[in-house]
């Protein structure tokens, strides 16, 4: 396919959460361009016991649809003050502590 950008998947992680700690799963995926910059990402805490809609996504961040946004119990909002993928990972890790004990 001419003109289609190719990205390399560099992160594909899934962490099941022990039911005693809240259950669910944490999924993180990221893709880089040829300059090794993260250009596409998705991170989510999925727990169908807490939230059945949005494929069980309780909390998540991604940049599909060409903007950085946050999912929280089915509500989608633009990420304010986006600086970097790494900073967003840190923010996500802090926020999921609300659900993972």
N, C-alpha and C. Protein backbone atom coordinates (compact mmCIF):
# COMPACT_ATOMS: atom_id res chain seq x y z
N UNK A 1 0.83 -1.19 0.00
CA UNK A 1 0.00 0.00 0.00
C UNK A 1 0.87 1.25 0.00
N UNK A 2 0.79 2.01 -1.01
CA UNK A 2 1.57 3.24 -1.10
C UNK A 2 0.97 4.31 -0.20
N UNK A 3 1.84 5.07 0.46
CA UNK A 3 1.38 6.19 1.27
C UNK A 3 0.98 5.84 2.69
N UNK A 4 0.88 4.56 3.01
CA UNK A 4 0.48 4.18 4.38
C UNK A 4 1.72 4.17 5.27
N UNK A 5 1.62 4.89 6.40
CA UNK A 5 2.73 4.94 7.33
C UNK A 5 2.85 3.61 8.06
N UNK A 6 4.08 3.21 8.30
CA UNK A 6 4.33 1.96 9.02
C UNK A 6 4.90 2.28 10.38
N UNK A 7 4.27 1.72 11.39
CA UNK A 7 4.75 1.90 12.75
C UNK A 7 5.11 0.53 13.31
N UNK A 8 6.05 0.51 14.22
CA UNK A 8 6.50 -0.73 14.84
C UNK A 8 5.94 -0.80 16.26
N UNK A 9 5.28 -1.91 16.56
CA UNK A 9 4.76 -2.09 17.92
C UNK A 9 5.93 -2.39 18.84
N UNK A 10 6.10 -1.55 19.86
CA UNK A 10 7.24 -1.69 20.76
C UNK A 10 6.83 -2.06 22.18
N UNK A 11 5.56 -1.92 22.50
CA UNK A 11 5.05 -2.32 23.81
C UNK A 11 3.75 -3.09 23.58
N UNK A 12 3.66 -4.26 24.18
CA UNK A 12 2.44 -5.07 24.15
C UNK A 12 2.41 -5.83 25.47
N UNK A 13 1.85 -5.18 26.49
CA UNK A 13 1.87 -5.76 27.82
C UNK A 13 0.46 -5.94 28.36
N UNK A 14 0.28 -7.03 29.09
CA UNK A 14 -0.98 -7.29 29.79
C UNK A 14 -0.64 -7.79 31.18
N UNK A 15 -1.27 -7.20 32.16
CA UNK A 15 -1.03 -7.57 33.54
C UNK A 15 -2.36 -7.93 34.20
N UNK A 16 -2.60 -9.22 34.44
CA UNK A 16 -3.81 -9.58 35.16
C UNK A 16 -3.68 -9.15 36.62
N UNK A 17 -4.74 -8.63 37.18
CA UNK A 17 -4.75 -8.16 38.57
C UNK A 17 -5.44 -9.22 39.43
N UNK A 18 -4.78 -9.63 40.48
CA UNK A 18 -5.32 -10.61 41.40
C UNK A 18 -6.68 -10.13 41.91
N UNK A 19 -7.68 -11.01 41.91
CA UNK A 19 -9.01 -10.61 42.40
C UNK A 19 -8.99 -10.00 43.81
N UNK A 20 -8.07 -10.44 44.65
CA UNK A 20 -7.96 -9.89 46.00
C UNK A 20 -7.52 -8.43 45.97
N UNK A 21 -6.88 -8.00 44.88
CA UNK A 21 -6.41 -6.63 44.74
C UNK A 21 -7.36 -5.79 43.89
N UNK A 22 -8.48 -6.37 43.46
CA UNK A 22 -9.46 -5.63 42.68
C UNK A 22 -9.84 -6.29 41.38
N UNK A 23 -9.01 -7.20 40.90
CA UNK A 23 -9.30 -7.93 39.67
C UNK A 23 -9.13 -7.10 38.42
N UNK A 24 -9.45 -7.67 37.29
CA UNK A 24 -9.33 -6.99 36.01
C UNK A 24 -7.98 -7.22 35.36
N UNK A 25 -7.66 -6.39 34.39
CA UNK A 25 -6.42 -6.49 33.64
C UNK A 25 -5.96 -5.10 33.23
N UNK A 26 -4.67 -4.90 33.21
CA UNK A 26 -4.08 -3.67 32.69
C UNK A 26 -3.43 -4.02 31.36
N UNK A 27 -3.79 -3.27 30.31
CA UNK A 27 -3.23 -3.48 28.96
C UNK A 27 -2.55 -2.20 28.50
N UNK A 28 -1.32 -2.34 28.00
CA UNK A 28 -0.59 -1.19 27.47
C UNK A 28 0.03 -1.58 26.14
N UNK A 29 -0.23 -0.78 25.11
CA UNK A 29 0.33 -0.99 23.78
C UNK A 29 0.89 0.34 23.28
N UNK A 30 2.00 0.27 22.54
CA UNK A 30 2.58 1.49 21.97
C UNK A 30 3.31 1.14 20.67
N UNK A 31 3.29 2.09 19.74
CA UNK A 31 3.94 1.96 18.45
C UNK A 31 4.86 3.15 18.23
N UNK A 32 6.00 2.88 17.59
CA UNK A 32 6.96 3.95 17.27
C UNK A 32 7.07 4.12 15.76
N UNK A 33 7.51 5.34 15.38
CA UNK A 33 7.83 5.60 13.98
C UNK A 33 9.31 5.28 13.75
N UNK A 34 9.82 5.58 12.57
CA UNK A 34 11.22 5.28 12.24
C UNK A 34 12.21 6.09 13.07
N UNK A 35 11.77 7.19 13.66
CA UNK A 35 12.64 8.02 14.51
C UNK A 35 12.56 7.59 15.98
N UNK A 36 11.92 6.45 16.23
CA UNK A 36 11.77 5.88 17.58
C UNK A 36 10.96 6.77 18.52
N UNK A 37 10.01 7.50 17.96
CA UNK A 37 9.09 8.32 18.73
C UNK A 37 7.77 7.55 18.86
N UNK A 38 7.20 7.55 20.05
CA UNK A 38 5.90 6.91 20.23
C UNK A 38 4.87 7.76 19.52
N UNK A 39 4.21 7.17 18.54
CA UNK A 39 3.24 7.91 17.74
C UNK A 39 1.80 7.41 17.95
N UNK A 40 1.68 6.23 18.53
CA UNK A 40 0.36 5.66 18.78
C UNK A 40 0.45 4.88 20.08
N UNK A 41 -0.58 5.01 20.92
CA UNK A 41 -0.56 4.29 22.18
C UNK A 41 -1.98 4.03 22.67
N UNK A 42 -2.06 3.06 23.57
CA UNK A 42 -3.31 2.74 24.23
C UNK A 42 -2.97 2.10 25.57
N UNK A 43 -3.56 2.61 26.62
CA UNK A 43 -3.39 2.01 27.94
C UNK A 43 -4.76 1.95 28.59
N UNK A 44 -5.05 0.83 29.24
CA UNK A 44 -6.38 0.68 29.80
C UNK A 44 -6.38 -0.23 31.01
N UNK A 45 -7.23 0.12 31.96
CA UNK A 45 -7.56 -0.78 33.06
C UNK A 45 -8.96 -1.30 32.74
N UNK A 46 -9.06 -2.61 32.54
CA UNK A 46 -10.31 -3.25 32.14
C UNK A 46 -10.79 -4.14 33.28
N UNK A 47 -12.03 -3.91 33.69
CA UNK A 47 -12.60 -4.74 34.74
C UNK A 47 -14.12 -4.75 34.56
N UNK A 48 -14.61 -5.83 33.98
CA UNK A 48 -16.04 -5.95 33.70
C UNK A 48 -16.89 -6.02 34.97
N UNK A 49 -16.28 -6.36 36.11
CA UNK A 49 -17.01 -6.39 37.38
C UNK A 49 -17.36 -4.97 37.85
N UNK A 50 -16.52 -4.01 37.49
CA UNK A 50 -16.73 -2.62 37.91
C UNK A 50 -17.55 -1.85 36.88
N UNK A 51 -17.27 -2.11 35.58
CA UNK A 51 -17.93 -1.35 34.52
C UNK A 51 -18.11 -2.25 33.31
N UNK A 52 -19.34 -2.45 32.89
CA UNK A 52 -19.63 -3.37 31.79
C UNK A 52 -19.57 -2.72 30.42
N UNK A 53 -19.77 -1.41 30.34
CA UNK A 53 -19.77 -0.72 29.04
C UNK A 53 -18.34 -0.49 28.55
N UNK A 54 -18.19 0.09 27.36
CA UNK A 54 -16.88 0.44 26.79
C UNK A 54 -15.91 -0.74 26.88
N UNK A 55 -16.42 -1.96 26.60
CA UNK A 55 -15.62 -3.18 26.64
C UNK A 55 -14.95 -3.40 28.00
N UNK A 56 -15.57 -2.91 29.06
CA UNK A 56 -15.03 -3.09 30.40
C UNK A 56 -13.95 -2.10 30.80
N UNK A 57 -13.70 -1.12 29.93
CA UNK A 57 -12.64 -0.15 30.22
C UNK A 57 -13.10 0.82 31.30
N UNK A 58 -12.49 0.69 32.47
CA UNK A 58 -12.79 1.57 33.59
C UNK A 58 -12.05 2.88 33.42
N UNK A 59 -10.77 2.77 33.06
CA UNK A 59 -9.90 3.93 32.89
C UNK A 59 -8.95 3.65 31.75
N UNK A 60 -8.69 4.64 30.93
CA UNK A 60 -7.74 4.44 29.85
C UNK A 60 -7.35 5.73 29.17
N UNK A 61 -6.24 5.64 28.45
CA UNK A 61 -5.77 6.75 27.63
C UNK A 61 -5.38 6.20 26.27
N UNK A 62 -5.63 6.97 25.22
CA UNK A 62 -5.14 6.61 23.89
C UNK A 62 -5.15 7.84 23.01
N UNK A 63 -4.58 7.68 21.83
CA UNK A 63 -4.56 8.80 20.89
C UNK A 63 -5.14 8.41 19.53
N UNK A 64 -6.09 7.50 19.55
CA UNK A 64 -6.80 7.22 18.31
C UNK A 64 -7.67 8.43 17.98
N UNK A 65 -8.15 8.50 16.80
CA UNK A 65 -8.97 9.63 16.32
C UNK A 65 -8.17 10.93 16.33
N UNK A 66 -6.84 10.82 16.29
CA UNK A 66 -5.93 11.96 16.13
C UNK A 66 -5.93 12.97 17.26
N UNK A 67 -6.27 12.52 18.48
CA UNK A 67 -6.08 13.41 19.63
C UNK A 67 -5.91 12.56 20.89
N UNK A 68 -5.25 13.13 21.88
CA UNK A 68 -4.99 12.45 23.14
C UNK A 68 -6.24 12.57 24.00
N UNK A 69 -6.76 11.41 24.45
CA UNK A 69 -7.96 11.47 25.26
C UNK A 69 -7.97 10.39 26.34
N UNK A 70 -8.84 10.64 27.32
CA UNK A 70 -8.96 9.80 28.50
C UNK A 70 -10.35 9.19 28.54
N UNK A 71 -10.41 7.91 28.87
CA UNK A 71 -11.67 7.21 29.08
C UNK A 71 -11.81 6.99 30.58
N UNK A 72 -12.98 7.31 31.12
CA UNK A 72 -13.24 7.08 32.54
C UNK A 72 -14.71 6.72 32.69
N UNK A 73 -14.97 5.43 32.94
CA UNK A 73 -16.34 4.93 33.07
C UNK A 73 -17.21 5.36 31.91
N UNK A 74 -16.71 5.23 30.69
CA UNK A 74 -17.49 5.53 29.49
C UNK A 74 -17.46 6.96 29.03
N UNK A 75 -16.98 7.87 29.88
CA UNK A 75 -16.87 9.28 29.49
C UNK A 75 -15.51 9.50 28.83
N UNK A 76 -15.51 10.26 27.75
CA UNK A 76 -14.26 10.55 27.03
C UNK A 76 -14.00 12.04 27.11
N UNK A 77 -12.78 12.38 27.50
CA UNK A 77 -12.40 13.79 27.57
C UNK A 77 -10.99 13.97 27.01
N UNK A 78 -10.76 15.12 26.44
CA UNK A 78 -9.44 15.42 25.88
C UNK A 78 -8.43 15.55 27.02
N UNK A 79 -7.22 15.04 26.79
CA UNK A 79 -6.16 15.15 27.80
C UNK A 79 -5.66 16.59 27.81
N UNK A 80 -5.78 17.22 28.97
CA UNK A 80 -5.27 18.59 29.12
C UNK A 80 -3.77 18.52 29.42
N UNK A 81 -3.03 19.46 28.92
CA UNK A 81 -1.60 19.58 29.22
C UNK A 81 -0.79 18.35 28.86
N UNK A 82 -1.08 17.72 27.71
CA UNK A 82 -0.30 16.56 27.29
C UNK A 82 1.14 16.99 27.04
N UNK A 83 2.09 16.26 27.64
CA UNK A 83 3.51 16.56 27.41
C UNK A 83 4.23 15.42 26.70
N UNK A 84 3.97 14.17 27.15
CA UNK A 84 4.65 13.03 26.53
C UNK A 84 3.94 11.74 26.87
N UNK A 85 4.24 10.73 26.11
CA UNK A 85 3.71 9.40 26.37
C UNK A 85 4.17 8.93 27.74
N UNK A 86 5.44 9.13 28.07
CA UNK A 86 5.97 8.66 29.35
C UNK A 86 5.25 9.33 30.53
N UNK A 87 5.00 10.62 30.42
CA UNK A 87 4.28 11.33 31.49
C UNK A 87 2.86 10.77 31.63
N UNK A 88 2.24 10.42 30.51
CA UNK A 88 0.89 9.87 30.55
C UNK A 88 0.88 8.48 31.19
N UNK A 89 1.91 7.69 30.94
CA UNK A 89 2.04 6.38 31.60
C UNK A 89 2.10 6.58 33.11
N UNK A 90 2.88 7.55 33.56
CA UNK A 90 3.01 7.82 34.99
C UNK A 90 1.67 8.28 35.58
N UNK A 91 0.96 9.11 34.86
CA UNK A 91 -0.35 9.58 35.31
C UNK A 91 -1.33 8.40 35.43
N UNK A 92 -1.31 7.53 34.40
CA UNK A 92 -2.17 6.35 34.38
C UNK A 92 -1.86 5.44 35.57
N UNK A 93 -0.57 5.20 35.83
CA UNK A 93 -0.17 4.33 36.94
C UNK A 93 -0.66 4.88 38.28
N UNK A 94 -0.63 6.19 38.46
CA UNK A 94 -1.13 6.79 39.70
C UNK A 94 -2.65 6.63 39.80
N UNK A 95 -3.34 6.85 38.68
CA UNK A 95 -4.81 6.81 38.70
C UNK A 95 -5.37 5.42 38.92
N UNK A 96 -4.71 4.38 38.41
CA UNK A 96 -5.27 3.03 38.58
C UNK A 96 -5.15 2.54 40.03
N UNK A 97 -4.35 3.22 40.83
CA UNK A 97 -4.24 2.85 42.25
C UNK A 97 -5.56 3.05 42.97
N UNK A 98 -6.45 3.84 42.40
CA UNK A 98 -7.80 4.00 42.96
C UNK A 98 -8.56 2.68 42.92
N UNK A 99 -8.24 1.82 41.95
CA UNK A 99 -8.96 0.58 41.73
C UNK A 99 -8.18 -0.66 42.14
N UNK A 100 -6.86 -0.58 42.13
CA UNK A 100 -6.01 -1.71 42.46
C UNK A 100 -5.44 -1.49 43.85
N UNK A 101 -5.81 -2.32 44.76
CA UNK A 101 -5.41 -2.15 46.17
C UNK A 101 -4.24 -3.03 46.53
